[in-house]
Amino acid sequence: LDFSCAVFDAAGELCAQAAHIPVHLGSMAYAMRDLVGPVDWAPGDMLI
């Protein structure tokens, strides 16, 4: 179970997370705003 899942708002701020891996979740919470901001998003997209 070396994985984590979370939900973020449209600005990349953390909304919720499952009780998964702390180092995954905290780092996503810190970095997601800068990660999603510059992207041109459309329905059906998935970024890796």
All heavy atoms as atom14 arrays in JSON, in Angstrom:
{
  "sequence": "LDFSCAVFDAAGELCAQAAHIPVHLGSMAYAMRDLVGPVDWAPGDMLI",
  "atom14_mask": [
    [1, 1, 1, 1, 1, 1, 1, 1, 0, 0, 0, 0, 0, 0],
    [1, 1, 1, 1, 1, 1, 1, 1, 0, 0, 0, 0, 0, 0],
    [1, 1, 1, 1, 1, 1, 1, 1, 1, 1, 1, 0, 0, 0],
    [1, 1, 1, 1, 1, 1, 0, 0, 0, 0, 0, 0, 0, 0],
    [1, 1, 1, 1, 1, 1, 0, 0, 0, 0, 0, 0, 0, 0],
    [1, 1, 1, 1, 1, 0, 0, 0, 0, 0, 0, 0, 0, 0],
    [1, 1, 1, 1, 1, 1, 1, 0, 0, 0, 0, 0, 0, 0],
    [1, 1, 1, 1, 1, 1, 1, 1, 1, 1, 1, 0, 0, 0],
    [1, 1, 1, 1, 1, 1, 1, 1, 0, 0, 0, 0, 0, 0],
    [1, 1, 1, 1, 1, 0, 0, 0, 0, 0, 0, 0, 0, 0],
    [1, 1, 1, 1, 1, 0, 0, 0, 0, 0, 0, 0, 0, 0],
    [1, 1, 1, 1, 0, 0, 0, 0, 0, 0, 0, 0, 0, 0],
    [1, 1, 1, 1, 1, 1, 1, 1, 1, 0, 0, 0, 0, 0],
    [1, 1, 1, 1, 1, 1, 1, 1, 0, 0, 0, 0, 0, 0],
    [1, 1, 1, 1, 1, 1, 0, 0, 0, 0, 0, 0, 0, 0],
    [1, 1, 1, 1, 1, 0, 0, 0, 0, 0, 0, 0, 0, 0],
    [1, 1, 1, 1, 1, 1, 1, 1, 1, 0, 0, 0, 0, 0],
    [1, 1, 1, 1, 1, 0, 0, 0, 0, 0, 0, 0, 0, 0],
    [1, 1, 1, 1, 1, 0, 0, 0, 0, 0, 0, 0, 0, 0],
    [1, 1, 1, 1, 1, 1, 1, 1, 1, 1, 0, 0, 0, 0],
    [1, 1, 1, 1, 1, 1, 1, 1, 0, 0, 0, 0, 0, 0],
    [1, 1, 1, 1, 1, 1, 1, 0, 0, 0, 0, 0, 0, 0],
    [1, 1, 1, 1, 1, 1, 1, 0, 0, 0, 0, 0, 0, 0],
    [1, 1, 1, 1, 1, 1, 1, 1, 1, 1, 0, 0, 0, 0],
    [1, 1, 1, 1, 1, 1, 1, 1, 0, 0, 0, 0, 0, 0],
    [1, 1, 1, 1, 0, 0, 0, 0, 0, 0, 0, 0, 0, 0],
    [1, 1, 1, 1, 1, 1, 0, 0, 0, 0, 0, 0, 0, 0],
    [1, 1, 1, 1, 1, 1, 1, 1, 0, 0, 0, 0, 0, 0],
    [1, 1, 1, 1, 1, 0, 0, 0, 0, 0, 0, 0, 0, 0],
    [1, 1, 1, 1, 1, 1, 1, 1, 1, 1, 1, 1, 0, 0],
    [1, 1, 1, 1, 1, 0, 0, 0, 0, 0, 0, 0, 0, 0],
    [1, 1, 1, 1, 1, 1, 1, 1, 0, 0, 0, 0, 0, 0],
    [1, 1, 1, 1, 1, 1, 1, 1, 1, 1, 1, 0, 0, 0],
    [1, 1, 1, 1, 1, 1, 1, 1, 0, 0, 0, 0, 0, 0],
    [1, 1, 1, 1, 1, 1, 1, 1, 0, 0, 0, 0, 0, 0],
    [1, 1, 1, 1, 1, 1, 1, 0, 0, 0, 0, 0, 0, 0],
    [1, 1, 1, 1, 0, 0, 0, 0, 0, 0, 0, 0, 0, 0],
    [1, 1, 1, 1, 1, 1, 1, 0, 0, 0, 0, 0, 0, 0],
    [1, 1, 1, 1, 1, 1, 1, 0, 0, 0, 0, 0, 0, 0],
    [1, 1, 1, 1, 1, 1, 1, 1, 0, 0, 0, 0, 0, 0],
    [1, 1, 1, 1, 1, 1, 1, 1, 1, 1, 1, 1, 1, 1],
    [1, 1, 1, 1, 1, 0, 0, 0, 0, 0, 0, 0, 0, 0],
    [1, 1, 1, 1, 1, 1, 1, 0, 0, 0, 0, 0, 0, 0],
    [1, 1, 1, 1, 0, 0, 0, 0, 0, 0, 0, 0, 0, 0],
    [1, 1, 1, 1, 1, 1, 1, 1, 0, 0, 0, 0, 0, 0],
    [1, 1, 1, 1, 1, 1, 1, 1, 0, 0, 0, 0, 0, 0],
    [1, 1, 1, 1, 1, 1, 1, 1, 0, 0, 0, 0, 0, 0],
    [1, 1, 1, 1, 1, 1, 1, 1, 0, 0, 0, 0, 0, 0]
  ],
  "atom14_positions": [
    [[0.83, -1.22, 0.0], [0.0, 0.0, 0.0], [0.86, 1.27, 0.0], [0.56, 2.24, 0.7], [-0.97, 0.02, 1.19], [-1.81, -1.23, 1.42], [-2.85, -0.98, 2.5], [-2.46, -1.73, 0.14], [0.0, 0.0, 0.0], [0.0, 0.0, 0.0], [0.0, 0.0, 0.0], [0.0, 0.0, 0.0], [0.0, 0.0, 0.0], [0.0, 0.0, 0.0]],
    [[1.89, 1.26, -0.83], [2.78, 2.41, -0.93], [2.2, 3.4, -1.94], [2.7, 3.58, -3.05], [4.18, 1.97, -1.33], [5.23, 3.03, -1.02], [4.85, 4.18, -0.77], [6.43, 2.69, -1.03], [0.0, 0.0, 0.0], [0.0, 0.0, 0.0], [0.0, 0.0, 0.0], [0.0, 0.0, 0.0], [0.0, 0.0, 0.0], [0.0, 0.0, 0.0]],
    [[1.09, 4.03, -1.55], [0.42, 5.01, -2.41], [-0.41, 5.94, -1.54], [-0.67, 5.67, -0.37], [-0.48, 4.32, -3.44], [-1.61, 3.53, -2.85], [-2.79, 4.14, -2.43], [-1.52, 2.15, -2.72], [-3.83, 3.41, -1.88], [-2.55, 1.4, -2.17], [-3.71, 2.04, -1.74], [0.0, 0.0, 0.0], [0.0, 0.0, 0.0], [0.0, 0.0, 0.0]],
    [[-0.83, 7.05, -2.14], [-1.66, 8.04, -1.43], [-2.62, 8.68, -2.42], [-2.32, 8.81, -3.61], [-0.79, 9.12, -0.78], [0.07, 8.56, 0.18], [0.0, 0.0, 0.0], [0.0, 0.0, 0.0], [0.0, 0.0, 0.0], [0.0, 0.0, 0.0], [0.0, 0.0, 0.0], [0.0, 0.0, 0.0], [0.0, 0.0, 0.0], [0.0, 0.0, 0.0]],
    [[-3.77, 9.13, -1.9], [-4.79, 9.78, -2.71], [-5.31, 11.02, -1.99], [-5.44, 11.02, -0.77], [-5.96, 8.82, -2.98], [-5.48, 7.28, -3.8], [0.0, 0.0, 0.0], [0.0, 0.0, 0.0], [0.0, 0.0, 0.0], [0.0, 0.0, 0.0], [0.0, 0.0, 0.0], [0.0, 0.0, 0.0], [0.0, 0.0, 0.0], [0.0, 0.0, 0.0]],
    [[-5.62, 12.06, -2.77], [-6.07, 13.31, -2.17], [-6.93, 14.09, -3.16], [-6.93, 13.83, -4.37], [-4.87, 14.17, -1.74], [0.0, 0.0, 0.0], [0.0, 0.0, 0.0], [0.0, 0.0, 0.0], [0.0, 0.0, 0.0], [0.0, 0.0, 0.0], [0.0, 0.0, 0.0], [0.0, 0.0, 0.0], [0.0, 0.0, 0.0], [0.0, 0.0, 0.0]],
    [[-7.69, 15.05, -2.61], [-8.52, 15.96, -3.39], [-8.03, 17.38, -3.13], [-7.75, 17.75, -1.98], [-10.01, 15.83, -3.0], [-10.84, 16.94, -3.65], [-10.55, 14.46, -3.39], [0.0, 0.0, 0.0], [0.0, 0.0, 0.0], [0.0, 0.0, 0.0], [0.0, 0.0, 0.0], [0.0, 0.0, 0.0], [0.0, 0.0, 0.0], [0.0, 0.0, 0.0]],
    [[-7.95, 18.18, -4.2], [-7.52, 19.58, -4.11], [-8.58, 20.48, -4.75], [-9.36, 20.03, -5.59], [-6.18, 19.78, -4.81], [-5.03, 19.08, -4.14], [-4.81, 17.74, -4.34], [-4.18, 19.77, -3.28], [-3.76, 17.08, -3.71], [-3.13, 19.13, -2.65], [-2.93, 17.77, -2.85], [0.0, 0.0, 0.0], [0.0, 0.0, 0.0], [0.0, 0.0, 0.0]],
    [[-8.58, 21.75, -4.35], [-9.5, 22.69, -4.98], [-8.89, 23.23, -6.28], [-7.79, 22.84, -6.68], [-9.91, 23.8, -4.01], [-8.77, 24.77, -3.67], [-7.73, 24.76, -4.35], [-8.93, 25.53, -2.69], [0.0, 0.0, 0.0], [0.0, 0.0, 0.0], [0.0, 0.0, 0.0], [0.0, 0.0, 0.0], [0.0, 0.0, 0.0], [0.0, 0.0, 0.0]],
    [[-9.61, 24.13, -6.94], [-9.18, 24.6, -8.25], [-7.88, 25.4, -8.2], [-7.18, 25.53, -9.21], [-10.28, 25.46, -8.88], [0.0, 0.0, 0.0], [0.0, 0.0, 0.0], [0.0, 0.0, 0.0], [0.0, 0.0, 0.0], [0.0, 0.0, 0.0], [0.0, 0.0, 0.0], [0.0, 0.0, 0.0], [0.0, 0.0, 0.0], [0.0, 0.0, 0.0]],
    [[-7.52, 25.9, -7.02], [-6.27, 26.64, -6.87], [-5.11, 25.74, -6.44], [-3.98, 26.21, -6.29], [-6.44, 27.76, -5.85], [0.0, 0.0, 0.0], [0.0, 0.0, 0.0], [0.0, 0.0, 0.0], [0.0, 0.0, 0.0], [0.0, 0.0, 0.0], [0.0, 0.0, 0.0], [0.0, 0.0, 0.0], [0.0, 0.0, 0.0], [0.0, 0.0, 0.0]],
    [[-5.37, 24.46, -6.23], [-4.32, 23.54, -5.79], [-4.16, 23.46, -4.29], [-3.13, 22.97, -3.81], [0.0, 0.0, 0.0], [0.0, 0.0, 0.0], [0.0, 0.0, 0.0], [0.0, 0.0, 0.0], [0.0, 0.0, 0.0], [0.0, 0.0, 0.0], [0.0, 0.0, 0.0], [0.0, 0.0, 0.0], [0.0, 0.0, 0.0], [0.0, 0.0, 0.0]],
    [[-5.17, 23.9, -3.53], [-5.12, 23.8, -2.08], [-5.75, 22.48, -1.63], [-6.79, 22.07, -2.15], [-5.87, 24.97, -1.43], [-5.27, 26.34, -1.73], [-3.98, 26.58, -0.94], [-3.66, 25.77, -0.06], [-3.3, 27.58, -1.23], [0.0, 0.0, 0.0], [0.0, 0.0, 0.0], [0.0, 0.0, 0.0], [0.0, 0.0, 0.0], [0.0, 0.0, 0.0]],
    [[-5.15, 21.84, -0.64], [-5.63, 20.54, -0.16], [-7.03, 20.65, 0.43], [-7.29, 21.52, 1.26], [-4.65, 19.99, 0.89], [-4.99, 18.62, 1.49], [-4.9, 17.53, 0.44], [-4.05, 18.31, 2.66], [0.0, 0.0, 0.0], [0.0, 0.0, 0.0], [0.0, 0.0, 0.0], [0.0, 0.0, 0.0], [0.0, 0.0, 0.0], [0.0, 0.0, 0.0]],
    [[-7.91, 19.72, 0.0], [-9.28, 19.66, 0.53], [-9.48, 18.45, 1.43], [-10.18, 18.52, 2.44], [-10.29, 19.6, -0.6], [-10.23, 20.97, -1.74], [0.0, 0.0, 0.0], [0.0, 0.0, 0.0], [0.0, 0.0, 0.0], [0.0, 0.0, 0.0], [0.0, 0.0, 0.0], [0.0, 0.0, 0.0], [0.0, 0.0, 0.0], [0.0, 0.0, 0.0]],
    [[-8.91, 17.31, 1.03], [-9.09, 16.08, 1.79], [-8.04, 15.07, 1.36], [-7.5, 15.16, 0.25], [-10.49, 15.5, 1.57], [0.0, 0.0, 0.0], [0.0, 0.0, 0.0], [0.0, 0.0, 0.0], [0.0, 0.0, 0.0], [0.0, 0.0, 0.0], [0.0, 0.0, 0.0], [0.0, 0.0, 0.0], [0.0, 0.0, 0.0], [0.0, 0.0, 0.0]],
    [[-7.78, 14.11, 2.23], [-6.84, 13.05, 1.91], [-7.25, 11.8, 2.67], [-7.91, 11.87, 3.71], [-5.4, 13.45, 2.29], [-5.2, 13.69, 3.77], [-3.83, 14.23, 4.1], [-3.28, 15.06, 3.39], [-3.26, 13.77, 5.2], [0.0, 0.0, 0.0], [0.0, 0.0, 0.0], [0.0, 0.0, 0.0], [0.0, 0.0, 0.0], [0.0, 0.0, 0.0]],
    [[-6.85, 10.66, 2.14], [-7.05, 9.42, 2.87], [-5.88, 9.21, 3.84], [-4.86, 9.9, 3.75], [-7.15, 8.25, 1.89], [0.0, 0.0, 0.0], [0.0, 0.0, 0.0], [0.0, 0.0, 0.0], [0.0, 0.0, 0.0], [0.0, 0.0, 0.0], [0.0, 0.0, 0.0], [0.0, 0.0, 0.0], [0.0, 0.0, 0.0], [0.0, 0.0, 0.0]],
    [[-6.03, 8.28, 4.76], [-4.98, 8.02, 5.75], [-3.91, 7.13, 5.13], [-3.78, 5.96, 5.46], [-5.58, 7.37, 6.99], [0.0, 0.0, 0.0], [0.0, 0.0, 0.0], [0.0, 0.0, 0.0], [0.0, 0.0, 0.0], [0.0, 0.0, 0.0], [0.0, 0.0, 0.0], [0.0, 0.0, 0.0], [0.0, 0.0, 0.0], [0.0, 0.0, 0.0]],
    [[-3.15, 7.71, 4.22], [-2.15, 6.95, 3.48], [-0.74, 7.31, 3.97], [-0.43, 7.16, 5.14], [-2.35, 7.17, 1.97], [-3.61, 6.54, 1.45], [-4.29, 6.99, 0.34], [-4.33, 5.48, 1.91], [-5.36, 6.25, 0.12], [-5.4, 5.32, 1.07], [0.0, 0.0, 0.0], [0.0, 0.0, 0.0], [0.0, 0.0, 0.0], [0.0, 0.0, 0.0]],
    [[0.15, 7.81, 3.11], [1.56, 7.98, 3.44], [1.85, 9.45, 3.76], [1.73, 10.32, 2.87], [2.46, 7.52, 2.27], [2.02, 6.16, 1.74], [3.92, 7.51, 2.7], [2.13, 5.03, 2.76], [0.0, 0.0, 0.0], [0.0, 0.0, 0.0], [0.0, 0.0, 0.0], [0.0, 0.0, 0.0], [0.0, 0.0, 0.0], [0.0, 0.0, 0.0]],
    [[2.26, 9.78, 4.98], [2.47, 11.2, 5.34], [3.43, 11.95, 4.43], [3.18, 13.11, 4.09], [3.0, 11.11, 6.78], [2.41, 9.87, 7.33], [2.39, 8.91, 6.17], [0.0, 0.0, 0.0], [0.0, 0.0, 0.0], [0.0, 0.0, 0.0], [0.0, 0.0, 0.0], [0.0, 0.0, 0.0], [0.0, 0.0, 0.0], [0.0, 0.0, 0.0]],
    [[4.53, 11.31, 4.01], [5.49, 12.05, 3.19], [4.93, 12.35, 1.81], [5.25, 13.36, 1.19], [6.84, 11.29, 3.1], [6.74, 10.07, 2.19], [7.96, 12.23, 2.63], [0.0, 0.0, 0.0], [0.0, 0.0, 0.0], [0.0, 0.0, 0.0], [0.0, 0.0, 0.0], [0.0, 0.0, 0.0], [0.0, 0.0, 0.0], [0.0, 0.0, 0.0]],
    [[4.05, 11.47, 1.3], [3.39, 11.76, 0.03], [2.43, 12.93, 0.18], [2.43, 13.88, -0.62], [2.56, 10.55, -0.43], [3.35, 9.38, -0.89], [2.76, 8.19, -1.26], [4.67, 9.2, -1.06], [3.69, 7.32, -1.63], [4.86, 7.92, -1.51], [0.0, 0.0, 0.0], [0.0, 0.0, 0.0], [0.0, 0.0, 0.0], [0.0, 0.0, 0.0]],
    [[1.58, 12.83, 1.2], [0.47, 13.76, 1.31], [0.93, 15.17, 1.67], [0.46, 16.16, 1.09], [-0.52, 13.22, 2.35], [-1.17, 11.89, 1.94], [-1.81, 11.22, 3.14], [-2.2, 12.11, 0.84], [0.0, 0.0, 0.0], [0.0, 0.0, 0.0], [0.0, 0.0, 0.0], [0.0, 0.0, 0.0], [0.0, 0.0, 0.0], [0.0, 0.0, 0.0]],
    [[1.85, 15.28, 2.62], [2.32, 16.6, 3.0], [3.07, 17.3, 1.89], [2.93, 18.52, 1.69], [0.0, 0.0, 0.0], [0.0, 0.0, 0.0], [0.0, 0.0, 0.0], [0.0, 0.0, 0.0], [0.0, 0.0, 0.0], [0.0, 0.0, 0.0], [0.0, 0.0, 0.0], [0.0, 0.0, 0.0], [0.0, 0.0, 0.0], [0.0, 0.0, 0.0]],
    [[3.85, 16.54, 1.12], [4.59, 17.16, 0.02], [3.65, 17.59, -1.09], [3.86, 18.63, -1.74], [5.66, 16.19, -0.51], [5.09, 14.95, -0.88], [0.0, 0.0, 0.0], [0.0, 0.0, 0.0], [0.0, 0.0, 0.0], [0.0, 0.0, 0.0], [0.0, 0.0, 0.0], [0.0, 0.0, 0.0], [0.0, 0.0, 0.0], [0.0, 0.0, 0.0]],
    [[2.59, 16.82, -1.35], [1.61, 17.25, -2.34], [0.9, 18.52, -1.88], [0.68, 19.44, -2.66], [0.59, 16.14, -2.59], [1.11, 14.98, -3.42], [-0.19, 13.91, -4.08], [-0.76, 13.05, -2.63], [0.0, 0.0, 0.0], [0.0, 0.0, 0.0], [0.0, 0.0, 0.0], [0.0, 0.0, 0.0], [0.0, 0.0, 0.0], [0.0, 0.0, 0.0]],
    [[0.55, 18.57, -0.6], [-0.13, 19.75, -0.06], [0.74, 21.0, -0.23], [0.23, 22.09, -0.51], [-0.47, 19.54, 1.41], [0.0, 0.0, 0.0], [0.0, 0.0, 0.0], [0.0, 0.0, 0.0], [0.0, 0.0, 0.0], [0.0, 0.0, 0.0], [0.0, 0.0, 0.0], [0.0, 0.0, 0.0], [0.0, 0.0, 0.0], [0.0, 0.0, 0.0]],
    [[2.05, 20.84, -0.08], [2.96, 21.97, -0.16], [3.17, 22.43, -1.6], [3.29, 23.64, -1.87], [4.31, 21.6, 0.46], [5.3, 22.74, 0.54], [5.23, 23.65, 1.59], [6.28, 22.92, -0.42], [6.13, 24.71, 1.68], [7.18, 23.96, -0.35], [7.1, 24.86, 0.71], [8.0, 25.9, 0.78], [0.0, 0.0, 0.0], [0.0, 0.0, 0.0]],
    [[3.21, 21.49, -2.54], [3.68, 21.81, -3.89], [2.58, 21.93, -4.94], [2.84, 22.41, -6.05], [4.67, 20.74, -4.35], [0.0, 0.0, 0.0], [0.0, 0.0, 0.0], [0.0, 0.0, 0.0], [0.0, 0.0, 0.0], [0.0, 0.0, 0.0], [0.0, 0.0, 0.0], [0.0, 0.0, 0.0], [0.0, 0.0, 0.0], [0.0, 0.0, 0.0]],
    [[1.35, 21.51, -4.64], [0.35, 21.36, -5.69], [-0.04, 22.69, -6.33], [-0.29, 22.76, -7.54], [-0.88, 20.66, -5.13], [-1.81, 20.12, -6.19], [-1.03, 18.93, -7.32], [-0.49, 17.65, -6.18], [0.0, 0.0, 0.0], [0.0, 0.0, 0.0], [0.0, 0.0, 0.0], [0.0, 0.0, 0.0], [0.0, 0.0, 0.0], [0.0, 0.0, 0.0]],
    [[-0.12, 23.76, -5.55], [-0.53, 25.04, -6.11], [0.4, 25.45, -7.27], [-0.07, 25.83, -8.35], [-0.52, 26.12, -5.03], [-0.8, 27.53, -5.57], [-0.68, 28.57, -4.48], [-1.83, 28.57, -3.6], [-2.94, 29.27, -3.83], [-3.04, 30.02, -4.92], [-3.94, 29.23, -2.98], [0.0, 0.0, 0.0], [0.0, 0.0, 0.0], [0.0, 0.0, 0.0]],
    [[1.7, 25.37, -7.06], [2.65, 25.74, -8.12], [2.62, 24.75, -9.28], [2.92, 25.11, -10.42], [4.07, 25.81, -7.55], [4.24, 26.97, -6.58], [3.46, 27.92, -6.66], [5.15, 26.89, -5.73], [0.0, 0.0, 0.0], [0.0, 0.0, 0.0], [0.0, 0.0, 0.0], [0.0, 0.0, 0.0], [0.0, 0.0, 0.0], [0.0, 0.0, 0.0]],
    [[2.24, 23.51, -9.0], [2.24, 22.48, -10.03], [1.07, 22.63, -10.99], [1.22, 22.53, -12.21], [2.2, 21.1, -9.36], [2.5, 19.88, -10.21], [3.84, 19.99, -10.89], [2.47, 18.63, -9.32], [0.0, 0.0, 0.0], [0.0, 0.0, 0.0], [0.0, 0.0, 0.0], [0.0, 0.0, 0.0], [0.0, 0.0, 0.0], [0.0, 0.0, 0.0]],
    [[-0.13, 22.91, -10.47], [-1.31, 22.94, -11.33], [-1.58, 24.32, -11.94], [-2.27, 24.42, -12.95], [-2.57, 22.47, -10.56], [-2.37, 21.07, -10.01], [-2.94, 23.44, -9.43], [0.0, 0.0, 0.0], [0.0, 0.0, 0.0], [0.0, 0.0, 0.0], [0.0, 0.0, 0.0], [0.0, 0.0, 0.0], [0.0, 0.0, 0.0], [0.0, 0.0, 0.0]],
    [[-1.01, 25.36, -11.34], [-1.32, 26.71, -11.79], [-0.99, 26.99, -13.24], [-1.8, 27.58, -13.98], [0.0, 0.0, 0.0], [0.0, 0.0, 0.0], [0.0, 0.0, 0.0], [0.0, 0.0, 0.0], [0.0, 0.0, 0.0], [0.0, 0.0, 0.0], [0.0, 0.0, 0.0], [0.0, 0.0, 0.0], [0.0, 0.0, 0.0], [0.0, 0.0, 0.0]],
    [[0.21, 26.61, -13.74], [0.59, 27.0, -15.11], [-0.04, 26.13, -16.21], [0.18, 26.4, -17.39], [2.11, 26.8, -15.1], [2.51, 26.61, -13.68], [1.33, 26.03, -13.0], [0.0, 0.0, 0.0], [0.0, 0.0, 0.0], [0.0, 0.0, 0.0], [0.0, 0.0, 0.0], [0.0, 0.0, 0.0], [0.0, 0.0, 0.0], [0.0, 0.0, 0.0]],
    [[-0.8, 25.1, -15.87], [-1.26, 24.12, -16.86], [-2.58, 24.58, -17.5], [-3.46, 25.11, -16.82], [-1.45, 22.74, -16.2], [-1.96, 21.72, -17.22], [-0.14, 22.26, -15.59], [0.0, 0.0, 0.0], [0.0, 0.0, 0.0], [0.0, 0.0, 0.0], [0.0, 0.0, 0.0], [0.0, 0.0, 0.0], [0.0, 0.0, 0.0], [0.0, 0.0, 0.0]],
    [[-2.7, 24.35, -18.8], [-3.94, 24.62, -19.54], [-4.82, 23.37, -19.44], [-4.68, 22.43, -20.22], [-3.61, 24.94, -20.99], [-4.87, 25.17, -21.83], [-5.92, 25.52, -21.25], [-4.8, 24.98, -23.05], [0.0, 0.0, 0.0], [0.0, 0.0, 0.0], [0.0, 0.0, 0.0], [0.0, 0.0, 0.0], [0.0, 0.0, 0.0], [0.0, 0.0, 0.0]],
    [[-5.73, 23.34, -18.48], [-6.51, 22.15, -18.18], [-7.76, 22.06, -19.05], [-8.37, 23.09, -19.39], [-6.93, 22.12, -16.71], [-5.78, 22.01, -15.76], [-5.21, 23.0, -15.03], [-5.08, 20.81, -15.45], [-4.19, 22.5, -14.27], [-4.07, 21.16, -14.5], [-5.16, 19.48, -15.85], [-3.19, 20.23, -13.96], [-4.29, 18.54, -15.31], [-3.32, 18.91, -14.39]],
    [[-8.14, 20.83, -19.37], [-9.39, 20.55, -20.08], [-9.97, 19.27, -19.51], [-9.25, 18.43, -18.96], [-9.13, 20.41, -21.58], [0.0, 0.0, 0.0], [0.0, 0.0, 0.0], [0.0, 0.0, 0.0], [0.0, 0.0, 0.0], [0.0, 0.0, 0.0], [0.0, 0.0, 0.0], [0.0, 0.0, 0.0], [0.0, 0.0, 0.0], [0.0, 0.0, 0.0]],
    [[-11.3, 19.07, -19.64], [-11.9, 17.82, -19.17], [-11.24, 16.61, -19.83], [-10.96, 16.62, -21.03], [-13.37, 17.96, -19.59], [-13.6, 19.44, -19.66], [-12.31, 20.02, -20.16], [0.0, 0.0, 0.0], [0.0, 0.0, 0.0], [0.0, 0.0, 0.0], [0.0, 0.0, 0.0], [0.0, 0.0, 0.0], [0.0, 0.0, 0.0], [0.0, 0.0, 0.0]],
    [[-10.99, 15.58, -19.03], [-10.37, 14.37, -19.54], [-8.86, 14.37, -19.53], [-8.22, 13.37, -19.87], [0.0, 0.0, 0.0], [0.0, 0.0, 0.0], [0.0, 0.0, 0.0], [0.0, 0.0, 0.0], [0.0, 0.0, 0.0], [0.0, 0.0, 0.0], [0.0, 0.0, 0.0], [0.0, 0.0, 0.0], [0.0, 0.0, 0.0], [0.0, 0.0, 0.0]],
    [[-8.25, 15.49, -19.13], [-6.78, 15.55, -19.04], [-6.28, 14.74, -17.84], [-7.0, 14.55, -16.85], [-6.3, 16.99, -18.88], [-6.44, 17.81, -20.14], [-6.77, 17.24, -21.2], [-6.23, 19.03, -20.08], [0.0, 0.0, 0.0], [0.0, 0.0, 0.0], [0.0, 0.0, 0.0], [0.0, 0.0, 0.0], [0.0, 0.0, 0.0], [0.0, 0.0, 0.0]],
    [[-5.04, 14.3, -17.94], [-4.35, 13.72, -16.8], [-2.87, 14.03, -16.94], [-2.26, 13.76, -17.97], [-4.6, 12.22, -16.68], [-4.56, 11.72, -15.24], [-5.18, 10.04, -15.0], [-6.91, 10.24, -15.37], [0.0, 0.0, 0.0], [0.0, 0.0, 0.0], [0.0, 0.0, 0.0], [0.0, 0.0, 0.0], [0.0, 0.0, 0.0], [0.0, 0.0, 0.0]],
    [[-2.32, 14.64, -15.89], [-0.91, 15.04, -15.88], [-0.12, 14.02, -15.07], [-0.6, 13.51, -14.05], [-0.78, 16.42, -15.25], [0.47, 17.23, -15.58], [0.36, 17.78, -17.0], [0.63, 18.39, -14.6], [0.0, 0.0, 0.0], [0.0, 0.0, 0.0], [0.0, 0.0, 0.0], [0.0, 0.0, 0.0], [0.0, 0.0, 0.0], [0.0, 0.0, 0.0]],
    [[1.1, 13.74, -15.52], [1.99, 12.83, -14.8], [3.28, 13.57, -14.47], [3.77, 14.38, -15.27], [2.27, 11.55, -15.63], [3.08, 10.52, -14.82], [2.97, 11.88, -16.94], [3.16, 9.15, -15.51], [0.0, 0.0, 0.0], [0.0, 0.0, 0.0], [0.0, 0.0, 0.0], [0.0, 0.0, 0.0], [0.0, 0.0, 0.0], [0.0, 0.0, 0.0]]
  ]
}
